[in-house]
Amino acid sequence: MRRSFSTVVVAGFTVLAGLASVSAQAADAEAGKAKAAVCAACHGQDGIATIPMYPNLAGQNAAYIISALTAYKNKTRTGGQAVVMHGQAAGLSEADMANLAAYYASLKPGGK
């Protein structure tokens, strides 16, 4: 059976997203909350940014947060405030990223 390239790419992405989701589910949102104190300066105390140039993190998909933090740490994500985020993500472990993702995913997008 011959599969198209797009089918293989979609299947691969689905597996990776699933793994990130499992990591976030197994993560500790309370540890993420403690780690998020430094994030609050730009992204707001409850993940709702008060400065329009910074994105809201409250309610964001955990897999997306892990992916973004990983890309910042590896310096493969550029643009916007990437230079700041490269420095912020540099010291994060995979567990830290999963914990932060679990915390922000647990928050309601409209605030508390």
N, C-alpha and C. Protein backbone atom coordinates (compact mmCIF):
# COMPACT_ATOMS: atom_id res chain seq x y z
N MET A 1 0.84 -1.18 0.00
CA MET A 1 0.00 0.00 0.00
C MET A 1 0.89 1.24 0.00
N ARG A 2 0.58 2.16 -0.87
CA ARG A 2 1.37 3.38 -0.99
C ARG A 2 0.65 4.54 -0.32
N ARG A 3 1.35 5.23 0.55
CA ARG A 3 0.76 6.37 1.26
C ARG A 3 1.32 7.67 0.71
N SER A 4 0.49 8.67 0.70
CA SER A 4 0.95 9.98 0.23
C SER A 4 1.82 10.63 1.30
N PHE A 5 2.64 11.55 0.86
CA PHE A 5 3.52 12.26 1.77
C PHE A 5 2.71 12.98 2.84
N SER A 6 1.60 13.62 2.44
CA SER A 6 0.80 14.37 3.41
C SER A 6 0.20 13.46 4.47
N THR A 7 -0.17 12.23 4.10
CA THR A 7 -0.71 11.29 5.07
C THR A 7 0.34 10.94 6.11
N VAL A 8 1.56 10.73 5.66
CA VAL A 8 2.65 10.38 6.56
C VAL A 8 2.96 11.56 7.48
N VAL A 9 2.98 12.78 6.94
CA VAL A 9 3.26 13.97 7.74
C VAL A 9 2.17 14.17 8.79
N VAL A 10 0.92 14.04 8.39
CA VAL A 10 -0.18 14.21 9.33
C VAL A 10 -0.12 13.14 10.42
N ALA A 11 0.17 11.91 10.04
CA ALA A 11 0.27 10.83 11.03
C ALA A 11 1.41 11.10 12.00
N GLY A 12 2.55 11.56 11.49
CA GLY A 12 3.69 11.87 12.35
C GLY A 12 3.38 13.00 13.31
N PHE A 13 2.72 14.05 12.81
CA PHE A 13 2.35 15.18 13.66
C PHE A 13 1.36 14.75 14.74
N THR A 14 0.43 13.89 14.38
CA THR A 14 -0.56 13.40 15.34
C THR A 14 0.11 12.64 16.47
N VAL A 15 1.09 11.82 16.14
CA VAL A 15 1.82 11.06 17.16
C VAL A 15 2.58 12.03 18.07
N LEU A 16 3.28 13.01 17.49
CA LEU A 16 4.03 13.97 18.30
C LEU A 16 3.11 14.80 19.19
N ALA A 17 1.99 15.24 18.65
CA ALA A 17 1.04 16.01 19.45
C ALA A 17 0.50 15.16 20.58
N GLY A 18 0.25 13.90 20.31
CA GLY A 18 -0.24 12.99 21.35
C GLY A 18 0.77 12.80 22.46
N LEU A 19 2.04 12.68 22.10
CA LEU A 19 3.09 12.53 23.10
C LEU A 19 3.20 13.78 23.96
N ALA A 20 3.14 14.95 23.33
CA ALA A 20 3.19 16.20 24.10
C ALA A 20 1.99 16.31 25.01
N SER A 21 0.84 15.86 24.53
CA SER A 21 -0.38 15.91 25.34
C SER A 21 -0.25 15.00 26.56
N VAL A 22 0.30 13.80 26.36
CA VAL A 22 0.50 12.88 27.48
C VAL A 22 1.47 13.49 28.47
N SER A 23 2.54 14.13 27.98
CA SER A 23 3.49 14.78 28.87
C SER A 23 2.82 15.86 29.70
N ALA A 24 1.98 16.65 29.06
CA ALA A 24 1.31 17.73 29.77
C ALA A 24 0.31 17.17 30.78
N GLN A 25 -0.36 16.08 30.44
CA GLN A 25 -1.33 15.49 31.36
C GLN A 25 -0.63 14.93 32.59
N ALA A 26 0.56 14.39 32.40
CA ALA A 26 1.31 13.81 33.51
C ALA A 26 2.07 14.88 34.28
N ALA A 27 2.04 16.09 33.78
CA ALA A 27 2.78 17.18 34.39
C ALA A 27 2.09 17.69 35.65
N ASP A 28 2.81 18.50 36.37
CA ASP A 28 2.35 19.05 37.63
C ASP A 28 2.01 20.53 37.44
N ALA A 29 0.71 20.83 37.35
CA ALA A 29 0.27 22.21 37.12
C ALA A 29 0.67 23.13 38.28
N GLU A 30 0.69 22.62 39.50
CA GLU A 30 1.10 23.44 40.64
C GLU A 30 2.58 23.82 40.54
N ALA A 31 3.41 22.86 40.10
CA ALA A 31 4.83 23.18 39.89
C ALA A 31 4.95 24.19 38.76
N GLY A 32 4.11 24.07 37.75
CA GLY A 32 4.09 25.03 36.65
C GLY A 32 3.71 26.41 37.11
N LYS A 33 2.74 26.48 38.02
CA LYS A 33 2.31 27.77 38.56
C LYS A 33 3.47 28.45 39.29
N ALA A 34 4.21 27.69 40.07
CA ALA A 34 5.35 28.25 40.80
C ALA A 34 6.43 28.73 39.82
N LYS A 35 6.64 27.97 38.76
CA LYS A 35 7.66 28.31 37.76
C LYS A 35 7.22 29.51 36.92
N ALA A 36 5.91 29.75 36.83
CA ALA A 36 5.36 30.80 35.97
C ALA A 36 5.52 32.21 36.51
N ALA A 37 6.03 32.36 37.70
CA ALA A 37 6.16 33.70 38.29
C ALA A 37 6.93 34.64 37.37
N VAL A 38 8.00 34.17 36.78
CA VAL A 38 8.79 35.03 35.89
C VAL A 38 8.02 35.32 34.60
N CYS A 39 7.16 34.42 34.17
CA CYS A 39 6.38 34.60 32.93
C CYS A 39 5.36 35.73 33.09
N ALA A 40 4.90 35.93 34.33
CA ALA A 40 3.84 36.91 34.60
C ALA A 40 4.22 38.33 34.21
N ALA A 41 5.50 38.64 34.18
CA ALA A 41 5.93 39.99 33.83
C ALA A 41 5.43 40.40 32.45
N CYS A 42 5.39 39.45 31.52
CA CYS A 42 4.93 39.76 30.16
C CYS A 42 3.57 39.16 29.85
N HIS A 43 3.30 37.97 30.38
CA HIS A 43 2.09 37.23 30.01
C HIS A 43 0.96 37.36 31.03
N GLY A 44 1.17 38.17 32.06
CA GLY A 44 0.14 38.42 33.05
C GLY A 44 0.11 37.39 34.17
N GLN A 45 -0.38 37.81 35.31
CA GLN A 45 -0.42 36.97 36.51
C GLN A 45 -1.20 35.67 36.29
N ASP A 46 -2.31 35.75 35.56
CA ASP A 46 -3.13 34.57 35.31
C ASP A 46 -3.09 34.17 33.84
N GLY A 47 -1.99 34.48 33.17
CA GLY A 47 -1.84 34.11 31.77
C GLY A 47 -2.56 35.02 30.80
N ILE A 48 -3.09 36.13 31.30
CA ILE A 48 -3.76 37.12 30.45
C ILE A 48 -2.86 38.35 30.39
N ALA A 49 -2.24 38.58 29.26
CA ALA A 49 -1.30 39.69 29.11
C ALA A 49 -2.02 41.02 29.16
N THR A 50 -1.42 41.97 29.86
CA THR A 50 -1.99 43.31 29.92
C THR A 50 -1.37 44.21 28.87
N ILE A 51 -0.29 43.77 28.25
CA ILE A 51 0.37 44.51 27.18
C ILE A 51 0.07 43.78 25.87
N PRO A 52 -0.59 44.45 24.92
CA PRO A 52 -1.05 43.79 23.70
C PRO A 52 0.01 43.04 22.89
N MET A 53 1.25 43.44 22.97
CA MET A 53 2.28 42.77 22.15
C MET A 53 2.65 41.37 22.66
N TYR A 54 2.21 41.03 23.87
CA TYR A 54 2.51 39.72 24.43
C TYR A 54 1.28 38.83 24.36
N PRO A 55 1.46 37.57 23.99
CA PRO A 55 0.29 36.68 23.86
C PRO A 55 -0.26 36.22 25.21
N ASN A 56 -1.56 35.98 25.22
CA ASN A 56 -2.19 35.34 26.38
C ASN A 56 -1.81 33.86 26.37
N LEU A 57 -1.54 33.32 27.53
CA LEU A 57 -1.21 31.90 27.65
C LEU A 57 -2.33 31.10 28.31
N ALA A 58 -3.23 31.77 29.00
CA ALA A 58 -4.33 31.09 29.69
C ALA A 58 -5.18 30.32 28.69
N GLY A 59 -5.38 29.04 28.96
CA GLY A 59 -6.22 28.19 28.12
C GLY A 59 -5.54 27.71 26.85
N GLN A 60 -4.29 28.08 26.66
CA GLN A 60 -3.57 27.66 25.46
C GLN A 60 -3.36 26.15 25.48
N ASN A 61 -3.33 25.55 24.33
CA ASN A 61 -3.12 24.11 24.19
C ASN A 61 -1.74 23.74 24.76
N ALA A 62 -1.71 22.75 25.63
CA ALA A 62 -0.46 22.36 26.29
C ALA A 62 0.60 21.90 25.30
N ALA A 63 0.20 21.14 24.30
CA ALA A 63 1.17 20.66 23.30
C ALA A 63 1.80 21.84 22.56
N TYR A 64 1.00 22.86 22.29
CA TYR A 64 1.51 24.04 21.61
C TYR A 64 2.54 24.76 22.49
N ILE A 65 2.25 24.91 23.77
CA ILE A 65 3.18 25.59 24.68
C ILE A 65 4.50 24.83 24.75
N ILE A 66 4.42 23.51 24.87
CA ILE A 66 5.64 22.70 24.92
C ILE A 66 6.43 22.87 23.62
N SER A 67 5.73 22.83 22.50
CA SER A 67 6.38 22.99 21.20
C SER A 67 7.05 24.35 21.08
N ALA A 68 6.34 25.41 21.49
CA ALA A 68 6.89 26.76 21.40
C ALA A 68 8.10 26.93 22.32
N LEU A 69 7.99 26.46 23.55
CA LEU A 69 9.12 26.58 24.48
C LEU A 69 10.33 25.80 24.00
N THR A 70 10.09 24.63 23.45
CA THR A 70 11.19 23.82 22.90
C THR A 70 11.86 24.55 21.75
N ALA A 71 11.06 25.15 20.87
CA ALA A 71 11.62 25.89 19.74
C ALA A 71 12.40 27.11 20.21
N TYR A 72 11.90 27.79 21.23
CA TYR A 72 12.65 28.92 21.79
C TYR A 72 13.96 28.44 22.41
N LYS A 73 13.90 27.37 23.15
CA LYS A 73 15.11 26.84 23.79
C LYS A 73 16.15 26.45 22.75
N ASN A 74 15.70 25.84 21.65
CA ASN A 74 16.61 25.42 20.57
C ASN A 74 16.94 26.56 19.62
N LYS A 75 16.36 27.74 19.86
CA LYS A 75 16.55 28.93 19.04
C LYS A 75 16.13 28.73 17.59
N THR A 76 15.13 27.88 17.38
CA THR A 76 14.61 27.68 16.03
C THR A 76 13.36 28.52 15.79
N ARG A 77 12.84 29.15 16.82
CA ARG A 77 11.70 30.06 16.67
C ARG A 77 12.22 31.48 16.78
N THR A 78 11.90 32.28 15.78
CA THR A 78 12.40 33.65 15.73
C THR A 78 11.24 34.61 15.53
N GLY A 79 11.55 35.87 15.57
CA GLY A 79 10.53 36.89 15.37
C GLY A 79 9.95 37.35 16.69
N GLY A 80 9.28 38.48 16.65
CA GLY A 80 8.65 39.01 17.86
C GLY A 80 9.65 39.18 18.99
N GLN A 81 9.32 38.61 20.11
CA GLN A 81 10.16 38.71 21.30
C GLN A 81 11.04 37.47 21.47
N ALA A 82 11.44 36.85 20.35
CA ALA A 82 12.20 35.60 20.40
C ALA A 82 13.49 35.72 21.20
N VAL A 83 14.18 36.83 21.08
CA VAL A 83 15.45 36.98 21.80
C VAL A 83 15.20 36.88 23.30
N VAL A 84 14.14 37.50 23.77
CA VAL A 84 13.80 37.42 25.20
C VAL A 84 13.43 35.98 25.55
N MET A 85 12.62 35.36 24.72
CA MET A 85 12.16 34.00 25.00
C MET A 85 13.28 32.98 24.90
N HIS A 86 14.25 33.21 24.03
CA HIS A 86 15.40 32.30 23.96
C HIS A 86 16.08 32.24 25.33
N GLY A 87 16.27 33.40 25.93
CA GLY A 87 16.89 33.46 27.25
C GLY A 87 16.02 32.84 28.33
N GLN A 88 14.72 33.09 28.28
CA GLN A 88 13.81 32.55 29.28
C GLN A 88 13.72 31.03 29.19
N ALA A 89 13.70 30.49 27.99
CA ALA A 89 13.54 29.05 27.80
C ALA A 89 14.85 28.27 27.98
N ALA A 90 15.97 28.96 27.89
CA ALA A 90 17.27 28.29 27.93
C ALA A 90 17.45 27.40 29.16
N GLY A 91 16.97 27.84 30.30
CA GLY A 91 17.17 27.08 31.54
C GLY A 91 16.05 26.12 31.88
N LEU A 92 15.05 25.99 31.01
CA LEU A 92 13.93 25.11 31.31
C LEU A 92 14.22 23.66 30.93
N SER A 93 13.89 22.76 31.83
CA SER A 93 13.99 21.33 31.52
C SER A 93 12.70 20.91 30.81
N GLU A 94 12.67 19.69 30.29
CA GLU A 94 11.45 19.18 29.66
C GLU A 94 10.32 19.12 30.69
N ALA A 95 10.65 18.76 31.93
CA ALA A 95 9.63 18.71 32.98
C ALA A 95 9.10 20.11 33.27
N ASP A 96 9.99 21.10 33.31
CA ASP A 96 9.55 22.48 33.52
C ASP A 96 8.57 22.90 32.43
N MET A 97 8.91 22.60 31.18
CA MET A 97 8.05 22.97 30.06
C MET A 97 6.69 22.29 30.17
N ALA A 98 6.69 21.01 30.51
CA ALA A 98 5.43 20.28 30.65
C ALA A 98 4.61 20.85 31.81
N ASN A 99 5.26 21.19 32.89
CA ASN A 99 4.56 21.76 34.05
C ASN A 99 3.96 23.13 33.71
N LEU A 100 4.74 23.97 33.04
CA LEU A 100 4.22 25.27 32.62
C LEU A 100 3.04 25.10 31.68
N ALA A 101 3.17 24.18 30.75
CA ALA A 101 2.10 23.93 29.79
C ALA A 101 0.84 23.44 30.49
N ALA A 102 1.00 22.56 31.46
CA ALA A 102 -0.16 22.06 32.21
C ALA A 102 -0.83 23.18 32.98
N TYR A 103 -0.02 24.05 33.57
CA TYR A 103 -0.57 25.17 34.33
C TYR A 103 -1.37 26.11 33.42
N TYR A 104 -0.74 26.57 32.35
CA TYR A 104 -1.43 27.52 31.48
C TYR A 104 -2.64 26.90 30.78
N ALA A 105 -2.56 25.64 30.42
CA ALA A 105 -3.70 24.96 29.80
C ALA A 105 -4.87 24.84 30.77
N SER A 106 -4.58 24.79 32.06
CA SER A 106 -5.64 24.64 33.07
C SER A 106 -6.39 25.94 33.34
N LEU A 107 -5.84 27.07 32.92
CA LEU A 107 -6.47 28.37 33.17
C LEU A 107 -7.53 28.65 32.12
N LYS A 108 -8.54 29.41 32.51
CA LYS A 108 -9.57 29.80 31.57
C LYS A 108 -9.08 30.97 30.72
N PRO A 109 -9.32 30.92 29.41
CA PRO A 109 -8.84 31.98 28.53
C PRO A 109 -9.33 33.38 28.89
N GLY A 110 -10.49 33.50 29.46
CA GLY A 110 -11.01 34.81 29.82
C GLY A 110 -10.58 35.28 31.19
N GLY A 111 -9.69 34.54 31.82
CA GLY A 111 -9.25 34.86 33.18
C GLY A 111 -9.98 33.99 34.18
N LYS A 112 -9.46 33.95 35.35
CA LYS A 112 -9.94 33.13 36.46
C LYS A 112 -11.21 32.43 36.12
